[in-house]
């Protein structure tokens, strides 16, 4: 499958991810409706978003500007290979 290049389709894809996240969050809150669950869900979403930002933006722009990550598996391979080498 080829990469999506159209900005319109990329925006649609992003909107679908947001809709999926909202739907999943709503279903979780319907399953266990409490403030505690809502707060834990919000913290989990925030933490994973920050980790994703770190994996792609921070590492690429501040730690290793010569490497371009293609996805989370690519990032994990890069990190594990880097730690095997002597610094």
N, C-alpha and C. Protein backbone atom coordinates (compact mmCIF):
# COMPACT_ATOMS: atom_id res chain seq x y z
N UNK A 1 0.84 -1.17 0.00
CA UNK A 1 0.00 0.00 0.00
C UNK A 1 0.90 1.25 0.00
N UNK A 2 0.58 2.19 -0.84
CA UNK A 2 1.37 3.42 -0.95
C UNK A 2 1.04 4.39 0.19
N UNK A 3 1.98 5.28 0.47
CA UNK A 3 1.76 6.30 1.49
C UNK A 3 0.72 7.31 1.00
N UNK A 4 -0.04 7.83 1.94
CA UNK A 4 -1.01 8.87 1.61
C UNK A 4 -0.25 10.18 1.44
N UNK A 5 -0.47 10.86 0.33
CA UNK A 5 0.23 12.11 0.06
C UNK A 5 -0.72 13.32 0.04
N UNK A 6 -1.99 13.08 -0.14
CA UNK A 6 -2.96 14.16 -0.24
C UNK A 6 -3.21 14.78 1.14
N UNK A 7 -3.01 16.11 1.26
CA UNK A 7 -3.28 16.77 2.55
C UNK A 7 -4.73 16.55 3.01
N UNK A 8 -5.66 16.54 2.08
CA UNK A 8 -7.06 16.34 2.44
C UNK A 8 -7.26 14.98 3.13
N UNK A 9 -6.69 13.93 2.54
CA UNK A 9 -6.84 12.59 3.11
C UNK A 9 -6.07 12.46 4.42
N UNK A 10 -4.97 13.16 4.54
CA UNK A 10 -4.23 13.14 5.80
C UNK A 10 -5.04 13.80 6.92
N UNK A 11 -5.72 14.90 6.61
CA UNK A 11 -6.60 15.53 7.60
C UNK A 11 -7.77 14.61 7.97
N UNK A 12 -8.33 13.94 6.97
CA UNK A 12 -9.41 13.00 7.23
C UNK A 12 -8.92 11.86 8.12
N UNK A 13 -7.73 11.35 7.83
CA UNK A 13 -7.15 10.28 8.65
C UNK A 13 -6.95 10.76 10.09
N UNK A 14 -6.43 11.97 10.25
CA UNK A 14 -6.24 12.52 11.59
C UNK A 14 -7.56 12.68 12.32
N UNK A 15 -8.59 13.15 11.62
CA UNK A 15 -9.92 13.31 12.22
C UNK A 15 -10.50 11.96 12.63
N UNK A 16 -10.27 10.94 11.82
CA UNK A 16 -10.75 9.60 12.17
C UNK A 16 -10.07 9.07 13.42
N UNK A 17 -8.77 9.37 13.59
CA UNK A 17 -8.08 8.97 14.81
C UNK A 17 -8.68 9.67 16.03
N UNK A 18 -8.98 10.95 15.88
CA UNK A 18 -9.60 11.69 16.99
C UNK A 18 -10.98 11.09 17.30
N UNK A 19 -11.77 10.81 16.29
CA UNK A 19 -13.09 10.20 16.50
C UNK A 19 -12.97 8.84 17.18
N UNK A 20 -12.00 8.04 16.76
CA UNK A 20 -11.78 6.74 17.37
C UNK A 20 -11.39 6.88 18.84
N UNK A 21 -10.52 7.84 19.14
CA UNK A 21 -10.14 8.08 20.53
C UNK A 21 -11.30 8.54 21.38
N UNK A 22 -12.13 9.42 20.85
CA UNK A 22 -13.32 9.89 21.58
C UNK A 22 -14.29 8.75 21.81
N UNK A 23 -14.52 7.93 20.79
CA UNK A 23 -15.43 6.80 20.92
C UNK A 23 -14.93 5.80 21.96
N UNK A 24 -13.65 5.45 21.89
CA UNK A 24 -13.09 4.50 22.85
C UNK A 24 -13.15 5.06 24.27
N UNK A 25 -12.85 6.34 24.43
CA UNK A 25 -12.92 6.96 25.75
C UNK A 25 -14.34 6.97 26.28
N UNK A 26 -15.29 7.30 25.43
CA UNK A 26 -16.69 7.32 25.85
C UNK A 26 -17.16 5.93 26.25
N UNK A 27 -16.78 4.92 25.49
CA UNK A 27 -17.18 3.55 25.82
C UNK A 27 -16.55 3.09 27.14
N UNK A 28 -15.31 3.47 27.38
CA UNK A 28 -14.67 3.14 28.67
C UNK A 28 -15.39 3.82 29.83
N UNK A 29 -15.75 5.08 29.64
CA UNK A 29 -16.44 5.81 30.70
C UNK A 29 -17.86 5.29 30.91
N UNK A 30 -18.49 4.80 29.86
CA UNK A 30 -19.81 4.18 30.02
C UNK A 30 -19.69 2.85 30.76
N UNK A 31 -18.59 2.15 30.53
CA UNK A 31 -18.36 0.86 31.19
C UNK A 31 -18.12 1.04 32.68
N UNK A 32 -17.36 2.09 33.05
CA UNK A 32 -17.05 2.34 34.46
C UNK A 32 -17.13 3.85 34.72
N UNK A 33 -18.34 4.37 34.86
CA UNK A 33 -18.51 5.83 34.98
C UNK A 33 -18.12 6.35 36.37
N UNK A 34 -16.91 6.86 36.46
CA UNK A 34 -16.48 7.49 37.72
C UNK A 34 -15.43 8.55 37.40
N UNK A 35 -15.29 9.46 38.31
CA UNK A 35 -14.29 10.53 38.14
C UNK A 35 -12.89 9.91 38.11
N UNK A 36 -12.68 8.93 38.94
CA UNK A 36 -11.36 8.27 39.01
C UNK A 36 -10.99 7.67 37.65
N UNK A 37 -11.91 6.96 37.04
CA UNK A 37 -11.64 6.36 35.72
C UNK A 37 -11.40 7.45 34.69
N UNK A 38 -12.17 8.53 34.72
CA UNK A 38 -11.99 9.63 33.77
C UNK A 38 -10.61 10.27 33.93
N UNK A 39 -10.18 10.49 35.16
CA UNK A 39 -8.87 11.10 35.40
C UNK A 39 -7.76 10.17 34.96
N UNK A 40 -7.86 8.89 35.31
CA UNK A 40 -6.84 7.93 34.89
C UNK A 40 -6.77 7.81 33.37
N UNK A 41 -7.91 7.83 32.71
CA UNK A 41 -7.93 7.79 31.25
C UNK A 41 -7.27 9.03 30.66
N UNK A 42 -7.58 10.19 31.23
CA UNK A 42 -6.96 11.43 30.75
C UNK A 42 -5.44 11.41 30.95
N UNK A 43 -4.99 10.95 32.09
CA UNK A 43 -3.55 10.87 32.35
C UNK A 43 -2.88 9.89 31.39
N UNK A 44 -3.52 8.75 31.14
CA UNK A 44 -2.95 7.77 30.21
C UNK A 44 -2.84 8.33 28.80
N UNK A 45 -3.88 9.00 28.34
CA UNK A 45 -3.86 9.60 27.00
C UNK A 45 -2.76 10.66 26.92
N UNK A 46 -2.69 11.52 27.93
CA UNK A 46 -1.67 12.57 27.95
C UNK A 46 -0.27 11.97 27.96
N UNK A 47 -0.04 10.95 28.80
CA UNK A 47 1.28 10.35 28.91
C UNK A 47 1.71 9.67 27.61
N UNK A 48 0.80 8.94 26.97
CA UNK A 48 1.15 8.31 25.71
C UNK A 48 1.39 9.34 24.60
N UNK A 49 0.64 10.43 24.61
CA UNK A 49 0.88 11.49 23.62
C UNK A 49 2.25 12.12 23.82
N UNK A 50 2.64 12.35 25.07
CA UNK A 50 3.96 12.91 25.36
C UNK A 50 5.06 11.92 24.99
N UNK A 51 4.85 10.63 25.23
CA UNK A 51 5.85 9.62 24.86
C UNK A 51 6.01 9.56 23.34
N UNK A 52 4.91 9.66 22.62
CA UNK A 52 4.96 9.65 21.16
C UNK A 52 5.70 10.88 20.65
N UNK A 53 5.40 12.04 21.25
CA UNK A 53 6.10 13.28 20.91
C UNK A 53 7.59 13.12 21.17
N UNK A 54 7.95 12.55 22.30
CA UNK A 54 9.35 12.33 22.63
C UNK A 54 10.02 11.43 21.60
N UNK A 55 9.35 10.31 21.26
CA UNK A 55 9.93 9.33 20.34
C UNK A 55 10.19 9.93 18.97
N UNK A 56 9.35 10.82 18.53
CA UNK A 56 9.52 11.32 17.17
C UNK A 56 10.08 12.72 17.08
N UNK A 57 9.64 13.64 17.90
CA UNK A 57 10.12 15.01 17.75
C UNK A 57 11.39 15.25 18.56
N UNK A 58 11.36 14.95 19.83
CA UNK A 58 12.50 15.25 20.70
C UNK A 58 13.73 14.47 20.27
N UNK A 59 13.59 13.17 20.06
CA UNK A 59 14.75 12.37 19.68
C UNK A 59 15.29 12.83 18.34
N UNK A 60 14.42 13.07 17.39
CA UNK A 60 14.86 13.45 16.04
C UNK A 60 15.47 14.84 16.00
N UNK A 61 14.96 15.78 16.78
CA UNK A 61 15.44 17.16 16.70
C UNK A 61 16.48 17.53 17.74
N UNK A 62 16.53 16.83 18.86
CA UNK A 62 17.45 17.22 19.92
C UNK A 62 18.49 16.16 20.27
N UNK A 63 18.19 14.89 20.07
CA UNK A 63 19.11 13.84 20.49
C UNK A 63 19.90 13.29 19.31
N UNK A 64 19.22 12.92 18.23
CA UNK A 64 19.88 12.30 17.08
C UNK A 64 19.27 12.84 15.80
N UNK A 65 19.78 13.99 15.35
CA UNK A 65 19.18 14.64 14.18
C UNK A 65 19.48 13.94 12.87
N UNK A 66 20.33 12.93 12.88
CA UNK A 66 20.65 12.22 11.66
C UNK A 66 19.76 11.01 11.40
N UNK A 67 18.86 10.72 12.32
CA UNK A 67 18.02 9.54 12.16
C UNK A 67 16.56 9.94 11.97
N UNK A 68 15.89 9.31 11.02
CA UNK A 68 14.48 9.58 10.77
C UNK A 68 13.70 8.32 11.11
N UNK A 69 12.75 8.45 12.00
CA UNK A 69 11.98 7.31 12.47
C UNK A 69 10.79 7.06 11.56
N UNK A 70 10.54 5.79 11.29
CA UNK A 70 9.43 5.42 10.43
C UNK A 70 8.23 4.91 11.22
N UNK A 71 8.37 4.76 12.51
CA UNK A 71 7.29 4.26 13.34
C UNK A 71 7.84 3.84 14.69
N UNK A 72 6.95 3.39 15.55
CA UNK A 72 7.38 3.02 16.90
C UNK A 72 8.34 1.83 16.89
N UNK A 73 8.13 0.86 16.01
CA UNK A 73 9.07 -0.26 15.93
C UNK A 73 10.44 0.20 15.46
N UNK A 74 10.47 1.11 14.51
CA UNK A 74 11.73 1.69 14.06
C UNK A 74 12.43 2.40 15.20
N UNK A 75 11.67 3.13 16.00
CA UNK A 75 12.23 3.83 17.16
C UNK A 75 12.81 2.83 18.17
N UNK A 76 12.08 1.76 18.46
CA UNK A 76 12.57 0.76 19.42
C UNK A 76 13.83 0.07 18.90
N UNK A 77 13.87 -0.24 17.61
CA UNK A 77 15.07 -0.84 17.03
C UNK A 77 16.25 0.11 17.15
N UNK A 78 16.02 1.37 16.87
CA UNK A 78 17.09 2.37 16.95
C UNK A 78 17.62 2.49 18.38
N UNK A 79 16.73 2.53 19.35
CA UNK A 79 17.14 2.67 20.75
C UNK A 79 17.91 1.43 21.21
N UNK A 80 17.42 0.24 20.87
CA UNK A 80 18.11 -0.97 21.33
C UNK A 80 19.46 -1.14 20.64
N UNK A 81 19.57 -0.80 19.39
CA UNK A 81 20.87 -0.88 18.70
C UNK A 81 21.83 0.14 19.27
N UNK A 82 21.34 1.30 19.58
CA UNK A 82 22.20 2.38 20.10
C UNK A 82 22.76 2.01 21.46
N UNK A 83 21.97 1.33 22.29
CA UNK A 83 22.44 0.97 23.63
C UNK A 83 23.39 -0.22 23.61
N UNK A 84 23.39 -1.00 22.55
CA UNK A 84 24.33 -2.12 22.44
C UNK A 84 25.73 -1.64 22.09
N UNK A 85 25.80 -0.52 21.37
CA UNK A 85 27.11 0.03 20.99
C UNK A 85 27.74 0.74 22.18
N UNK A 86 29.05 0.70 22.27
CA UNK A 86 29.69 1.51 23.31
C UNK A 86 29.53 3.00 22.99
N UNK A 87 29.26 3.80 24.01
CA UNK A 87 29.05 5.24 23.79
C UNK A 87 30.35 5.99 23.67
